[in-house]
Amino acid sequence: RTVWAPAASPPVRTCRLQSPFLTFGERMHIFLTGATGYIGSAVLEAMIKGGHQVTAIARDPEKAERLLAKGATPIIAELGLPKYYEAALAATDAVVHTAFE
C-alpha cells in the first residue's frame, strides 16, 4: 500500500505501528478528552477531517450538541467520574487527552 503525501512529495511507503492490528493510514476509533477546549477542538477537527471516528466527553448537553454537529459521538460526563464513560473508552483504538482539568 502507498500513502500519498502532498503533491510535491513522492509517495511514502506504509509503515507498521506498534500495534499488530493497525497500520499507518487506517481509520481509527479515538476517545478524545477536552474536545470542547481550544486545543481539543482543533484536534477534533483534524481527526474528523482524517476520517476517524471520534468519541468525546462533554460536561453538559449544550457542548454535547456542538460535538455532535462537528461529527463526534458525545458522552455527557465528568472526566473525574470514569464509570460514566469507561465502556465507551474500552471500545476505542486510542485515547488522546487534551483536557486541562
N, C-alpha and C. Protein backbone atom coordinates (compact mmCIF):
# COMPACT_ATOMS: atom_id res chain seq x y z
N ARG A 1 0.82 -1.18 0.00
CA ARG A 1 0.00 0.00 0.00
C ARG A 1 0.86 1.24 0.00
N THR A 2 0.41 2.27 -0.66
CA THR A 2 1.14 3.53 -0.71
C THR A 2 0.27 4.63 -0.12
N VAL A 3 0.86 5.44 0.72
CA VAL A 3 0.19 6.60 1.28
C VAL A 3 0.73 7.82 0.58
N TRP A 4 -0.14 8.66 0.05
CA TRP A 4 0.31 9.83 -0.69
C TRP A 4 0.45 11.04 0.22
N ALA A 5 1.57 11.68 0.13
CA ALA A 5 1.84 12.91 0.87
C ALA A 5 1.44 14.09 -0.03
N PRO A 6 1.74 15.34 0.33
CA PRO A 6 1.41 16.48 -0.52
C PRO A 6 1.92 16.30 -1.95
N ALA A 7 1.28 16.99 -2.89
CA ALA A 7 1.53 16.82 -4.31
C ALA A 7 3.01 16.91 -4.70
N ALA A 8 3.79 17.75 -4.04
CA ALA A 8 5.20 17.92 -4.41
C ALA A 8 6.08 16.78 -3.92
N SER A 9 5.56 15.94 -3.04
CA SER A 9 6.36 14.87 -2.46
C SER A 9 6.12 13.56 -3.19
N PRO A 10 7.12 12.70 -3.23
CA PRO A 10 6.93 11.38 -3.81
C PRO A 10 6.10 10.52 -2.87
N PRO A 11 5.52 9.42 -3.33
CA PRO A 11 4.74 8.56 -2.43
C PRO A 11 5.59 8.01 -1.30
N VAL A 12 4.96 7.84 -0.17
CA VAL A 12 5.63 7.33 1.03
C VAL A 12 5.08 5.93 1.31
N ARG A 13 5.96 4.99 1.61
CA ARG A 13 5.50 3.63 1.89
C ARG A 13 4.85 3.56 3.27
N THR A 14 3.89 2.69 3.42
CA THR A 14 3.22 2.48 4.69
C THR A 14 4.19 1.89 5.70
N CYS A 15 4.09 2.35 6.94
CA CYS A 15 4.92 1.77 8.00
C CYS A 15 4.02 1.13 9.04
N ARG A 16 4.52 0.15 9.76
CA ARG A 16 3.75 -0.52 10.80
C ARG A 16 3.87 0.26 12.10
N LEU A 17 2.77 0.37 12.80
CA LEU A 17 2.79 0.94 14.14
C LEU A 17 3.15 -0.15 15.14
N GLN A 18 3.19 0.19 16.40
CA GLN A 18 3.49 -0.79 17.43
C GLN A 18 2.42 -1.88 17.48
N SER A 19 1.18 -1.53 17.18
CA SER A 19 0.10 -2.49 17.22
C SER A 19 0.15 -3.40 15.99
N PRO A 20 -0.03 -4.70 16.17
CA PRO A 20 -0.05 -5.60 15.01
C PRO A 20 -1.35 -5.48 14.22
N PHE A 21 -2.34 -4.73 14.71
CA PHE A 21 -3.64 -4.66 14.08
C PHE A 21 -3.86 -3.40 13.25
N LEU A 22 -3.08 -2.36 13.48
CA LEU A 22 -3.27 -1.09 12.80
C LEU A 22 -2.05 -0.72 11.98
N THR A 23 -2.26 -0.15 10.82
CA THR A 23 -1.16 0.37 10.04
C THR A 23 -1.40 1.84 9.78
N PHE A 24 -0.33 2.54 9.48
CA PHE A 24 -0.42 3.98 9.21
C PHE A 24 -1.42 4.21 8.09
N GLY A 25 -2.31 5.13 8.28
CA GLY A 25 -3.28 5.46 7.26
C GLY A 25 -4.64 4.83 7.48
N GLU A 26 -4.77 3.88 8.41
CA GLU A 26 -6.07 3.27 8.68
C GLU A 26 -6.92 4.20 9.53
N ARG A 27 -8.22 4.08 9.38
CA ARG A 27 -9.15 4.86 10.19
C ARG A 27 -9.23 4.23 11.57
N MET A 28 -9.30 5.08 12.59
CA MET A 28 -9.32 4.61 13.97
C MET A 28 -10.55 5.15 14.69
N HIS A 29 -10.91 4.49 15.78
CA HIS A 29 -11.93 4.99 16.70
C HIS A 29 -11.16 5.57 17.88
N ILE A 30 -11.26 6.88 18.08
CA ILE A 30 -10.44 7.59 19.06
C ILE A 30 -11.32 8.19 20.15
N PHE A 31 -10.88 8.04 21.40
CA PHE A 31 -11.55 8.66 22.54
C PHE A 31 -10.79 9.95 22.84
N LEU A 32 -11.49 11.08 22.79
CA LEU A 32 -10.85 12.39 22.95
C LEU A 32 -11.38 13.10 24.18
N THR A 33 -10.48 13.53 25.05
CA THR A 33 -10.87 14.37 26.19
C THR A 33 -10.55 15.81 25.82
N GLY A 34 -11.29 16.74 26.41
CA GLY A 34 -11.03 18.15 26.17
C GLY A 34 -11.45 18.63 24.79
N ALA A 35 -12.34 17.94 24.14
CA ALA A 35 -12.72 18.25 22.75
C ALA A 35 -13.41 19.60 22.59
N THR A 36 -13.93 20.16 23.66
CA THR A 36 -14.60 21.46 23.55
C THR A 36 -13.66 22.62 23.88
N GLY A 37 -12.44 22.31 24.27
CA GLY A 37 -11.46 23.35 24.60
C GLY A 37 -10.73 23.86 23.36
N TYR A 38 -9.82 24.77 23.58
CA TYR A 38 -9.08 25.41 22.49
C TYR A 38 -8.25 24.40 21.69
N ILE A 39 -7.43 23.64 22.38
CA ILE A 39 -6.58 22.65 21.69
C ILE A 39 -7.40 21.45 21.24
N GLY A 40 -8.25 20.96 22.14
CA GLY A 40 -9.05 19.78 21.83
C GLY A 40 -9.96 19.96 20.63
N SER A 41 -10.51 21.16 20.45
CA SER A 41 -11.39 21.39 19.30
C SER A 41 -10.60 21.35 17.99
N ALA A 42 -9.36 21.81 18.01
CA ALA A 42 -8.52 21.72 16.81
C ALA A 42 -8.13 20.28 16.53
N VAL A 43 -7.84 19.52 17.58
CA VAL A 43 -7.51 18.11 17.44
C VAL A 43 -8.73 17.35 16.89
N LEU A 44 -9.90 17.65 17.42
CA LEU A 44 -11.14 17.02 16.95
C LEU A 44 -11.35 17.28 15.46
N GLU A 45 -11.19 18.51 15.05
CA GLU A 45 -11.37 18.86 13.64
C GLU A 45 -10.41 18.08 12.75
N ALA A 46 -9.16 17.97 13.17
CA ALA A 46 -8.17 17.23 12.38
C ALA A 46 -8.51 15.74 12.32
N MET A 47 -8.98 15.18 13.41
CA MET A 47 -9.35 13.77 13.43
C MET A 47 -10.53 13.48 12.52
N ILE A 48 -11.53 14.34 12.59
CA ILE A 48 -12.71 14.17 11.74
C ILE A 48 -12.34 14.32 10.27
N LYS A 49 -11.53 15.33 9.95
CA LYS A 49 -11.07 15.50 8.57
C LYS A 49 -10.27 14.30 8.09
N GLY A 50 -9.56 13.65 9.01
CA GLY A 50 -8.78 12.47 8.68
C GLY A 50 -9.62 11.21 8.53
N GLY A 51 -10.92 11.34 8.78
CA GLY A 51 -11.82 10.21 8.60
C GLY A 51 -11.95 9.30 9.79
N HIS A 52 -11.44 9.73 10.94
CA HIS A 52 -11.50 8.90 12.13
C HIS A 52 -12.85 9.05 12.83
N GLN A 53 -13.25 8.01 13.53
CA GLN A 53 -14.45 8.06 14.36
C GLN A 53 -14.00 8.55 15.73
N VAL A 54 -14.65 9.58 16.24
CA VAL A 54 -14.23 10.19 17.50
C VAL A 54 -15.37 10.15 18.51
N THR A 55 -15.07 9.65 19.69
CA THR A 55 -15.98 9.72 20.84
C THR A 55 -15.35 10.72 21.79
N ALA A 56 -16.14 11.70 22.24
CA ALA A 56 -15.59 12.79 23.06
C ALA A 56 -16.49 13.07 24.26
N ILE A 57 -15.86 13.48 25.35
CA ILE A 57 -16.58 13.83 26.57
C ILE A 57 -17.01 15.30 26.52
N ALA A 58 -18.25 15.53 26.96
CA ALA A 58 -18.77 16.89 27.13
C ALA A 58 -19.36 16.97 28.53
N ARG A 59 -19.24 18.12 29.15
CA ARG A 59 -19.75 18.27 30.52
C ARG A 59 -21.24 18.56 30.57
N ASP A 60 -21.80 19.11 29.49
CA ASP A 60 -23.22 19.46 29.51
C ASP A 60 -23.84 19.23 28.13
N PRO A 61 -25.17 19.19 28.06
CA PRO A 61 -25.86 18.90 26.80
C PRO A 61 -25.56 19.91 25.68
N GLU A 62 -25.37 21.17 26.02
CA GLU A 62 -25.07 22.18 25.00
C GLU A 62 -23.75 21.88 24.30
N LYS A 63 -22.73 21.54 25.07
CA LYS A 63 -21.43 21.20 24.49
C LYS A 63 -21.51 19.88 23.73
N ALA A 64 -22.33 18.97 24.22
CA ALA A 64 -22.51 17.69 23.52
C ALA A 64 -23.13 17.92 22.14
N GLU A 65 -24.07 18.83 22.05
CA GLU A 65 -24.69 19.16 20.76
C GLU A 65 -23.66 19.74 19.79
N ARG A 66 -22.76 20.57 20.29
CA ARG A 66 -21.70 21.14 19.43
C ARG A 66 -20.77 20.05 18.92
N LEU A 67 -20.44 19.10 19.78
CA LEU A 67 -19.58 17.99 19.36
C LEU A 67 -20.28 17.14 18.30
N LEU A 68 -21.56 16.88 18.50
CA LEU A 68 -22.34 16.11 17.55
C LEU A 68 -22.39 16.80 16.19
N ALA A 69 -22.56 18.12 16.21
CA ALA A 69 -22.59 18.90 14.96
C ALA A 69 -21.27 18.85 14.21
N LYS A 70 -20.17 18.66 14.95
CA LYS A 70 -18.85 18.58 14.32
C LYS A 70 -18.53 17.17 13.82
N GLY A 71 -19.37 16.19 14.17
CA GLY A 71 -19.15 14.84 13.69
C GLY A 71 -18.67 13.84 14.72
N ALA A 72 -18.57 14.26 15.98
CA ALA A 72 -18.13 13.36 17.04
C ALA A 72 -19.33 12.68 17.70
N THR A 73 -19.06 11.62 18.41
CA THR A 73 -20.06 10.97 19.25
C THR A 73 -19.84 11.46 20.67
N PRO A 74 -20.74 12.30 21.19
CA PRO A 74 -20.50 12.85 22.53
C PRO A 74 -20.99 11.94 23.65
N ILE A 75 -20.31 12.04 24.78
CA ILE A 75 -20.72 11.40 26.02
C ILE A 75 -20.76 12.50 27.07
N ILE A 76 -21.91 12.67 27.71
CA ILE A 76 -22.02 13.69 28.75
C ILE A 76 -21.52 13.07 30.05
N ALA A 77 -20.40 13.58 30.53
CA ALA A 77 -19.76 13.04 31.73
C ALA A 77 -18.71 14.00 32.23
N GLU A 78 -18.28 13.75 33.45
CA GLU A 78 -17.15 14.46 34.04
C GLU A 78 -15.93 13.55 33.94
N LEU A 79 -14.79 14.09 33.58
CA LEU A 79 -13.58 13.31 33.42
C LEU A 79 -13.21 12.56 34.70
N GLY A 80 -13.50 13.14 35.84
CA GLY A 80 -13.18 12.53 37.12
C GLY A 80 -14.09 11.39 37.54
N LEU A 81 -15.12 11.10 36.73
CA LEU A 81 -16.06 10.02 37.03
C LEU A 81 -16.07 8.99 35.90
N PRO A 82 -15.04 8.15 35.83
CA PRO A 82 -14.89 7.24 34.70
C PRO A 82 -15.99 6.19 34.55
N LYS A 83 -16.76 5.94 35.59
CA LYS A 83 -17.82 4.93 35.47
C LYS A 83 -18.83 5.31 34.40
N TYR A 84 -18.93 6.60 34.05
CA TYR A 84 -19.88 7.04 33.05
C TYR A 84 -19.37 6.90 31.62
N TYR A 85 -18.08 6.70 31.45
CA TYR A 85 -17.54 6.60 30.09
C TYR A 85 -16.59 5.42 29.87
N GLU A 86 -16.36 4.60 30.89
CA GLU A 86 -15.38 3.53 30.75
C GLU A 86 -15.74 2.50 29.68
N ALA A 87 -17.01 2.22 29.46
CA ALA A 87 -17.39 1.28 28.41
C ALA A 87 -17.06 1.84 27.03
N ALA A 88 -17.33 3.12 26.83
CA ALA A 88 -17.00 3.75 25.54
C ALA A 88 -15.49 3.81 25.35
N LEU A 89 -14.77 4.06 26.41
CA LEU A 89 -13.31 4.11 26.36
C LEU A 89 -12.73 2.76 25.95
N ALA A 90 -13.27 1.70 26.50
CA ALA A 90 -12.78 0.35 26.19
C ALA A 90 -13.02 -0.04 24.73
N ALA A 91 -13.99 0.59 24.09
CA ALA A 91 -14.34 0.24 22.71
C ALA A 91 -13.51 1.01 21.67
N THR A 92 -12.56 1.84 22.10
CA THR A 92 -11.79 2.65 21.15
C THR A 92 -10.40 2.07 20.91
N ASP A 93 -9.77 2.54 19.84
CA ASP A 93 -8.42 2.09 19.49
C ASP A 93 -7.34 2.91 20.20
N ALA A 94 -7.67 4.16 20.53
CA ALA A 94 -6.67 5.06 21.10
C ALA A 94 -7.35 6.13 21.94
N VAL A 95 -6.57 6.74 22.83
CA VAL A 95 -7.05 7.85 23.66
C VAL A 95 -6.13 9.04 23.40
N VAL A 96 -6.74 10.21 23.18
CA VAL A 96 -5.99 11.46 23.08
C VAL A 96 -6.52 12.36 24.18
N HIS A 97 -5.63 12.73 25.10
CA HIS A 97 -6.02 13.51 26.28
C HIS A 97 -5.58 14.96 26.11
N THR A 98 -6.57 15.84 25.89
CA THR A 98 -6.26 17.27 25.75
C THR A 98 -6.95 18.11 26.83
N ALA A 99 -7.62 17.44 27.77
CA ALA A 99 -8.33 18.16 28.83
C ALA A 99 -7.33 18.77 29.81
N PHE A 100 -7.65 19.95 30.29
CA PHE A 100 -6.79 20.63 31.26
C PHE A 100 -7.02 20.08 32.65
N GLU A 101 -8.27 20.05 33.07
CA GLU A 101 -8.60 19.56 34.41
C GLU A 101 -9.68 18.52 34.30
